[in-house]
Amino acid sequence: MKALIVSCEAGGGCTDISVAVKEKLEDHGHEVTLFDLYRDKGETTGSIFRKKAKRGAGSQSDLMRQYLEENPYDVIIAADVLSAILLSVLRSSLISLPKVIYVASDYTCAPFTEDTWCDHYVIPSQKLTAEFCRRGIPKEKVIPLGMPVRKMFLTGIGKADAGAEIGLAEDRYNILMSAVGLSGRKLFRTVRMLQTYLDRNRRARLIVFGVNQKVGRRLQTRIENDGRITLMQELSTPAMYMRACDVMIAGAQGSVSTEAAVLGTALIQYMPSSAYERHNAEFFSRYGMSLVVKRPGTGLLRALKVLEDEAVRRDMIKAQRFHISQLATAEICNLAETPALSVETGSAGVLI
C-alpha cells in the first residue's frame, strides 16, 4: 500500500503525529511519503511544491491535484486541518481521491474542521465525540482511536532502566522542564523560581531542554552555574528522559502531553499560550492527568509540592493510563489498511 501523509506544520504536534503514523505504516511494510507544505528543507516533495507555487505555477490545490495525478496513493492522511481543507477543495471540485483520514492533533475540534470532507475523523478521545458532532462532523465518520505517538514512547521500558540508560541517579527527584514556547524572560523567571524549590528539596535536580545557545549562556550566568540544574538544547532520547523523570513541566501541546501520559509521567502544564493549548490543558486537568499553572510563580511551587506525594503521582498516572490509549498508532494504521468505502459526490461536509 502507498500512503501519503500531508501536514502544514506551524508549531503544533502535526510533525510528531505524521512521524508516528509513518513509522507504524512502514513497520507494516507500506510505502509512505511525508508531505510537509511549510517546513520541508532541500529538494523534498513539500519544498518543490512550494517553489512551484511561488513561481506562479498554479494554486496550491492545482499543484496538489497535479501531484496526486502523477503520484497515485491508496490512502491519504491529513495531520492537521489546513491539509484537510486543501484536500477537501479537490474533492469539492469532483477530483477523485483515495480514502482520506484526518487525525486531530489537539484535544478539541479545530476551527474549520466542519468545512472539510474526509472519510474518517480520528479524534483523541471518545469524550470529544459530542464536540466534533456539534460542529457538524457526521457521527459515523468520527472515530475516537486516540492520538498517535512515536514508537520510542511505546517500548515499555521501566523508570529505573530508563534512568540508568541516560545516567540519571535513581535516588534523586528528577524534574524535566521544556523551555519550548517560553520567552527568555519567562524562562529566566521560571528557573529562578525553581531554584528556590531546589533549595527546599535537596534531592531534587532540574533538567531544562529546548534552550538555544544564546539564551542558555545568559541563563547559565544568571543561575551562577548551579550544579543542580542541567541546560540542554535538545534531548538525545526524549522518551528515556521523560520516562526516567519524576515530574515533567511542559506546555500543553497535544502531542507532548499525550507522550507523557503514554509513558506514565506526572505532568505539570504551564501557561497555555493558545486556544488549542488551553483546551488540551483543560482536558488533561479535568480528568486528573495533569496540574495546570497559569504563570511561573508560587502556583508552580505549589504544584511541585503536591506532586511530591507519591500517592498523588500514582493516581495521576493511573488516570493517564485510563484515559489515554497506548494503541492509537496501531489502530490508525489498521484503519488506513482497511479498504475505503466509495465516496459519493454531494455528501455532507463538502467545502464550498
Protein backbone atom coordinates (compact mmCIF):
# COMPACT_ATOMS: atom_id res chain seq x y z
CA MET A 1 0.00 0.00 0.00
CA LYS A 2 1.19 3.53 -0.79
CA ALA A 3 0.30 6.17 1.79
CA LEU A 4 0.66 9.96 1.71
CA ILE A 5 0.79 11.93 4.97
CA VAL A 6 0.14 15.66 4.46
CA SER A 7 0.75 18.32 7.10
CA CYS A 8 1.14 22.09 7.32
CA GLU A 9 3.44 22.18 10.34
CA ALA A 10 3.08 25.55 12.04
CA GLY A 11 4.27 24.89 15.58
CA GLY A 12 1.83 22.23 16.75
CA GLY A 13 2.20 18.48 17.07
CA CYS A 14 1.50 17.71 13.40
CA THR A 15 5.07 16.56 12.75
CA ASP A 16 5.08 14.18 15.72
CA ILE A 17 1.78 12.70 14.58
CA SER A 18 3.00 12.36 10.99
CA VAL A 19 6.20 10.60 12.05
CA ALA A 20 4.31 8.29 14.43
CA VAL A 21 1.91 7.11 11.72
CA LYS A 22 4.72 6.84 9.17
CA GLU A 23 6.77 4.62 11.49
CA LYS A 24 3.87 2.24 12.10
CA LEU A 25 2.84 2.02 8.43
CA GLU A 26 6.45 1.31 7.41
CA ASP A 27 6.66 -1.36 10.12
CA HIS A 28 3.71 -2.99 8.34
CA GLY A 29 5.66 -2.92 5.07
CA HIS A 30 3.92 0.01 3.40
CA GLU A 31 5.48 2.78 1.31
CA VAL A 32 4.95 6.17 2.96
CA THR A 33 5.60 9.75 1.77
CA LEU A 34 5.64 12.69 4.18
CA PHE A 35 4.43 15.91 2.56
CA ASP A 36 5.03 18.98 4.75
CA LEU A 37 3.74 22.04 2.93
CA TYR A 38 5.56 24.56 5.12
CA ARG A 39 8.77 23.26 6.62
CA ASP A 40 10.43 20.69 4.35
CA LYS A 41 14.03 21.59 3.55
CA GLY A 42 16.06 20.72 0.47
CA GLU A 43 14.61 19.18 -2.67
CA THR A 44 11.78 17.35 -0.95
CA THR A 45 8.20 16.88 -2.05
CA GLY A 46 6.91 19.78 0.05
CA SER A 47 9.72 22.21 -0.84
CA ILE A 48 9.38 21.59 -4.59
CA PHE A 49 5.62 22.12 -4.23
CA ARG A 50 6.20 25.50 -2.53
CA LYS A 51 8.75 26.64 -5.10
CA LYS A 52 6.29 25.95 -7.92
CA ALA A 53 3.59 27.93 -6.10
CA LYS A 54 5.95 30.91 -5.65
CA ARG A 55 6.82 30.83 -9.37
CA GLY A 56 3.13 31.17 -10.19
CA ALA A 57 2.83 27.61 -11.50
CA GLY A 58 -0.64 27.35 -10.01
CA SER A 59 -2.65 27.48 -6.82
CA GLN A 60 -1.93 25.03 -4.00
CA SER A 61 -4.99 22.99 -4.90
CA ASP A 62 -4.00 22.86 -8.61
CA LEU A 63 -0.49 21.74 -7.71
CA MET A 64 -1.77 19.16 -5.28
CA ARG A 65 -4.15 17.80 -7.91
CA GLN A 66 -1.28 17.57 -10.39
CA TYR A 67 0.95 15.87 -7.83
CA LEU A 68 -1.69 13.27 -6.97
CA GLU A 69 -2.39 12.57 -10.65
CA GLU A 70 1.32 11.91 -11.19
CA ASN A 71 1.77 10.04 -7.89
CA PRO A 72 -1.29 7.93 -7.04
CA TYR A 73 -1.75 6.76 -3.45
CA ASP A 74 -4.02 4.23 -1.77
CA VAL A 75 -4.70 6.38 1.30
CA ILE A 76 -4.05 9.98 2.36
CA ILE A 77 -3.69 11.05 5.99
CA ALA A 78 -4.18 14.72 6.88
CA ALA A 79 -2.27 15.57 10.07
CA ASP A 80 -3.87 19.00 10.50
CA VAL A 81 -6.97 20.88 9.47
CA LEU A 82 -5.23 23.04 6.81
CA SER A 83 -4.14 19.93 4.93
CA ALA A 84 -7.65 18.51 5.25
CA ILE A 85 -9.09 21.73 3.80
CA LEU A 86 -6.69 21.60 0.82
CA LEU A 87 -7.71 18.02 0.08
CA SER A 88 -11.38 18.92 0.51
CA VAL A 89 -11.05 21.66 -2.12
CA LEU A 90 -10.05 18.93 -4.58
CA ARG A 91 -12.95 16.72 -3.58
CA SER A 92 -15.46 19.54 -3.89
CA SER A 93 -14.14 20.05 -7.44
CA LEU A 94 -15.13 16.43 -8.14
CA ILE A 95 -11.48 15.25 -8.17
CA SER A 96 -11.31 11.55 -7.32
CA LEU A 97 -9.26 10.91 -4.19
CA PRO A 98 -8.44 7.75 -2.27
CA LYS A 99 -9.58 7.37 1.33
CA VAL A 100 -8.71 10.49 3.35
CA ILE A 101 -8.21 10.22 7.12
CA TYR A 102 -7.99 13.33 9.29
CA VAL A 103 -6.07 12.89 12.56
CA ALA A 104 -6.67 15.57 15.21
CA SER A 105 -3.53 16.84 16.97
CA ASP A 106 -5.29 18.59 19.88
CA TYR A 107 -7.98 17.72 22.42
CA THR A 108 -10.59 19.90 20.76
CA CYS A 109 -12.27 20.35 17.38
CA ALA A 110 -10.08 22.83 15.49
CA PRO A 111 -11.78 25.75 13.71
CA PHE A 112 -12.96 24.95 10.16
CA THR A 113 -12.84 21.17 10.71
CA GLU A 114 -16.54 21.23 9.78
CA ASP A 115 -15.57 22.67 6.37
CA THR A 116 -13.55 19.58 5.43
CA TRP A 117 -14.64 16.46 3.58
CA CYS A 118 -12.75 13.42 4.86
CA ASP A 119 -13.79 9.78 5.08
CA HIS A 120 -12.77 9.42 8.72
CA TYR A 121 -12.00 11.82 11.56
CA VAL A 122 -9.71 10.25 14.14
CA ILE A 123 -10.05 12.09 17.45
CA PRO A 124 -8.01 11.73 20.67
CA SER A 125 -10.83 10.64 22.98
CA GLN A 126 -14.40 9.38 22.96
CA LYS A 127 -15.20 12.25 25.34
CA LEU A 128 -14.69 14.66 22.42
CA THR A 129 -17.17 12.94 20.10
CA ALA A 130 -20.07 15.23 21.05
CA GLU A 131 -17.95 18.35 20.43
CA PHE A 132 -16.99 17.22 16.92
CA CYS A 133 -20.59 16.27 16.12
CA ARG A 134 -21.90 19.63 17.37
CA ARG A 135 -19.51 21.27 14.93
CA GLY A 136 -21.11 19.38 12.06
CA ILE A 137 -18.96 16.29 11.61
CA PRO A 138 -21.20 13.25 10.87
CA LYS A 139 -21.10 10.91 13.87
CA GLU A 140 -20.47 7.85 11.70
CA LYS A 141 -17.22 9.44 10.49
CA VAL A 142 -15.88 10.26 13.97
CA ILE A 143 -13.58 7.53 15.29
CA PRO A 144 -12.11 8.01 18.81
CA LEU A 145 -8.93 5.96 18.46
CA GLY A 146 -6.65 8.31 20.43
CA MET A 147 -3.61 10.35 19.44
CA PRO A 148 -0.66 8.53 17.81
CA VAL A 149 2.79 8.68 19.41
CA ARG A 150 6.19 7.71 18.03
CA LYS A 151 7.39 4.19 18.74
CA MET A 152 10.16 5.39 21.07
CA PHE A 153 7.37 6.14 23.57
CA LEU A 154 5.92 2.62 23.33
CA THR A 155 8.91 0.49 24.33
CA GLY A 156 7.55 -0.23 27.82
CA ILE A 157 10.92 0.43 29.48
CA GLY A 158 10.84 0.86 33.27
CA LYS A 159 11.66 4.09 35.07
CA ALA A 160 14.84 2.72 36.68
CA ASP A 161 16.11 1.23 33.42
CA ALA A 162 15.45 4.50 31.56
CA GLY A 163 17.34 6.42 34.23
CA ALA A 164 20.28 4.03 34.02
CA GLU A 165 20.31 4.37 30.23
CA ILE A 166 20.82 8.16 30.38
CA GLY A 167 22.74 8.35 33.64
CA LEU A 168 20.13 9.87 35.96
CA ALA A 169 20.63 8.92 39.60
CA GLU A 170 17.73 6.84 40.91
CA ASP A 171 17.98 8.38 44.39
CA ARG A 172 17.33 11.87 43.02
CA TYR A 173 13.98 13.57 42.48
CA ASN A 174 14.36 14.45 38.80
CA ILE A 175 12.31 17.27 37.26
CA LEU A 176 12.28 17.63 33.48
CA MET A 177 11.22 21.00 32.07
CA SER A 178 10.58 22.00 28.48
CA ALA A 179 11.52 25.58 27.57
CA VAL A 180 9.74 25.31 24.21
CA GLY A 181 7.35 28.24 23.78
CA LEU A 182 8.79 30.28 26.65
CA SER A 183 10.31 33.70 26.05
CA GLY A 184 13.77 34.31 27.50
CA ARG A 185 12.31 36.49 30.26
CA LYS A 186 9.69 33.90 31.29
CA LEU A 187 12.30 31.16 31.21
CA PHE A 188 14.66 33.16 33.47
CA ARG A 189 11.87 33.85 35.95
CA THR A 190 10.73 30.24 35.97
CA VAL A 191 14.20 28.79 36.51
CA ARG A 192 14.95 31.29 39.28
CA MET A 193 11.70 30.27 40.94
CA LEU A 194 12.62 26.61 40.61
CA GLN A 195 15.96 27.33 42.28
CA THR A 196 14.03 28.17 45.44
CA TYR A 197 12.33 24.79 45.15
CA LEU A 198 15.69 23.04 44.78
CA ASP A 199 16.82 24.81 47.96
CA ARG A 200 13.91 23.26 49.84
CA ASN A 201 14.09 19.79 48.28
CA ARG A 202 17.72 18.73 48.50
CA ARG A 203 17.11 15.54 46.50
CA ALA A 204 15.69 17.42 43.53
CA ARG A 205 17.55 18.01 40.27
CA LEU A 206 16.29 20.05 37.30
CA ILE A 207 16.88 19.36 33.60
CA VAL A 208 15.78 22.13 31.22
CA PHE A 209 15.68 21.36 27.48
CA GLY A 210 14.74 23.36 24.41
CA VAL A 211 17.16 26.15 25.35
CA ASN A 212 19.05 27.77 22.47
CA GLN A 213 22.74 28.61 22.82
CA LYS A 214 22.34 32.37 23.29
CA VAL A 215 19.65 32.10 25.94
CA GLY A 216 21.49 29.18 27.52
CA ARG A 217 24.67 31.20 28.03
CA ARG A 218 22.77 34.08 29.62
CA LEU A 219 20.75 31.73 31.79
CA GLN A 220 23.85 29.84 32.93
CA THR A 221 25.35 33.14 34.06
CA ARG A 222 22.21 34.19 35.89
CA ILE A 223 21.93 30.94 37.83
CA GLU A 224 25.64 31.15 38.63
CA ASN A 225 26.41 27.72 37.15
CA ASP A 226 24.14 25.97 39.63
CA GLY A 227 25.24 22.31 39.55
CA ARG A 228 21.73 21.13 40.36
CA ILE A 229 20.46 22.44 37.01
CA THR A 230 21.31 20.98 33.60
CA LEU A 231 20.56 23.01 30.45
CA MET A 232 20.19 21.21 27.11
CA GLN A 233 19.36 22.38 23.61
CA GLU A 234 17.53 19.16 22.87
CA LEU A 235 17.11 15.70 24.35
CA SER A 236 19.06 12.95 22.60
CA THR A 237 16.46 10.38 23.68
CA PRO A 238 13.25 12.24 24.67
CA ALA A 239 11.35 9.11 25.70
CA MET A 240 14.13 7.99 28.06
CA TYR A 241 14.29 11.37 29.82
CA MET A 242 10.52 11.65 30.08
CA ARG A 243 10.24 8.11 31.44
CA ALA A 244 13.11 8.50 33.91
CA CYS A 245 11.99 11.79 35.46
CA ASP A 246 9.61 12.01 38.41
CA VAL A 247 7.78 15.11 37.16
CA MET A 248 7.65 16.83 33.77
CA ILE A 249 6.88 20.54 33.34
CA ALA A 250 5.85 21.47 29.79
CA GLY A 251 3.50 23.49 27.65
CA ALA A 252 0.13 21.98 26.87
CA GLN A 253 0.83 20.81 23.30
CA GLY A 254 -1.37 17.85 22.40
CA SER A 255 1.40 15.54 21.24
CA VAL A 256 3.80 16.19 24.15
CA SER A 257 1.01 15.80 26.71
CA THR A 258 -0.01 12.51 25.12
CA GLU A 259 3.58 11.24 25.05
CA ALA A 260 3.96 11.97 28.77
CA ALA A 261 0.68 10.22 29.53
CA VAL A 262 1.58 7.15 27.46
CA LEU A 263 4.87 6.88 29.38
CA GLY A 264 3.14 7.41 32.72
CA THR A 265 4.89 10.62 33.79
CA ALA A 266 3.42 13.05 36.33
CA LEU A 267 2.73 16.24 34.40
CA ILE A 268 2.56 19.97 35.13
CA GLN A 269 1.31 22.05 32.20
CA TYR A 270 2.25 25.71 32.27
CA MET A 271 0.80 28.91 30.88
CA PRO A 272 -1.35 27.76 27.94
CA SER A 273 -0.48 30.34 25.26
CA SER A 274 -3.03 29.44 22.58
CA ALA A 275 -6.65 28.35 22.40
CA TYR A 276 -5.52 24.85 21.42
CA GLU A 277 -3.22 24.57 24.43
CA ARG A 278 -5.96 25.85 26.74
CA HIS A 279 -8.27 23.11 25.51
CA ASN A 280 -5.53 20.50 25.96
CA ALA A 281 -4.77 21.69 29.49
CA GLU A 282 -8.46 21.77 30.40
CA PHE A 283 -8.93 18.21 29.12
CA PHE A 284 -5.91 16.78 30.95
CA SER A 285 -6.58 18.59 34.23
CA ARG A 286 -10.32 17.82 34.16
CA TYR A 287 -9.61 14.08 34.18
CA GLY A 288 -6.79 14.22 36.71
CA MET A 289 -3.96 13.68 34.21
CA SER A 290 -2.07 16.91 34.94
CA LEU A 291 -1.84 20.00 37.10
CA VAL A 292 -2.04 23.37 35.33
CA VAL A 293 -0.28 26.59 36.36
CA LYS A 294 -1.04 29.86 34.57
CA ARG A 295 2.26 31.65 35.21
CA PRO A 296 5.66 30.97 36.74
CA GLY A 297 5.41 31.72 40.43
CA THR A 298 4.01 30.29 43.60
CA GLY A 299 1.49 28.23 41.60
CA LEU A 300 4.31 26.20 40.10
CA LEU A 301 5.89 25.68 43.51
CA ARG A 302 2.53 24.56 44.93
CA ALA A 303 2.06 22.08 42.07
CA LEU A 304 5.53 20.63 42.66
CA LYS A 305 4.80 20.35 46.37
CA VAL A 306 1.56 18.47 45.65
CA LEU A 307 3.36 16.02 43.35
CA GLU A 308 5.97 15.22 45.96
CA ASP A 309 3.35 12.87 47.38
CA GLU A 310 3.95 9.55 45.66
CA ALA A 311 0.28 8.60 46.07
CA VAL A 312 -0.77 11.73 44.15
CA ARG A 313 1.66 10.93 41.33
CA ARG A 314 0.43 7.34 41.26
CA ASP A 315 -3.22 8.47 40.98
CA MET A 316 -2.31 10.86 38.14
CA ILE A 317 -0.51 8.12 36.23
CA LYS A 318 -3.49 5.80 36.81
CA ALA A 319 -5.78 8.45 35.26
CA GLN A 320 -3.42 8.78 32.30
CA ARG A 321 -3.48 5.02 31.74
CA PHE A 322 -7.29 5.02 31.89
CA HIS A 323 -7.98 7.97 29.56
CA ILE A 324 -5.10 7.82 27.04
CA SER A 325 -4.82 4.90 24.63
CA GLN A 326 -1.42 3.32 24.01
CA LEU A 327 -2.84 1.54 20.95
CA ALA A 328 -3.80 4.63 18.93
CA THR A 329 -0.92 4.43 16.44
CA ALA A 330 -1.56 0.76 15.66
CA GLU A 331 -5.31 1.28 15.33
CA ILE A 332 -4.87 4.25 12.97
CA CYS A 333 -2.60 2.06 10.86
CA ASN A 334 -5.28 -0.65 10.81
CA LEU A 335 -7.86 1.95 9.74
CA ALA A 336 -5.57 3.10 6.90
CA GLU A 337 -5.22 -0.50 5.73
CA THR A 338 -8.99 -1.07 5.68
CA PRO A 339 -10.41 -0.79 2.13
CA ALA A 340 -12.24 2.50 1.63
CA LEU A 341 -15.98 2.66 1.01
CA SER A 342 -16.98 4.58 -2.07
CA VAL A 343 -17.42 8.31 -1.52
CA GLU A 344 -20.40 9.82 -3.29
CA THR A 345 -20.25 13.37 -4.59
CA GLY A 346 -22.60 15.73 -2.84
CA SER A 347 -22.17 14.21 0.63
CA ALA A 348 -22.41 16.46 3.67
CA GLY A 349 -19.20 18.18 4.63
CA VAL A 350 -18.13 19.34 1.19
CA LEU A 351 -16.13 22.56 1.25
CA ILE A 352 -17.90 25.21 -0.83
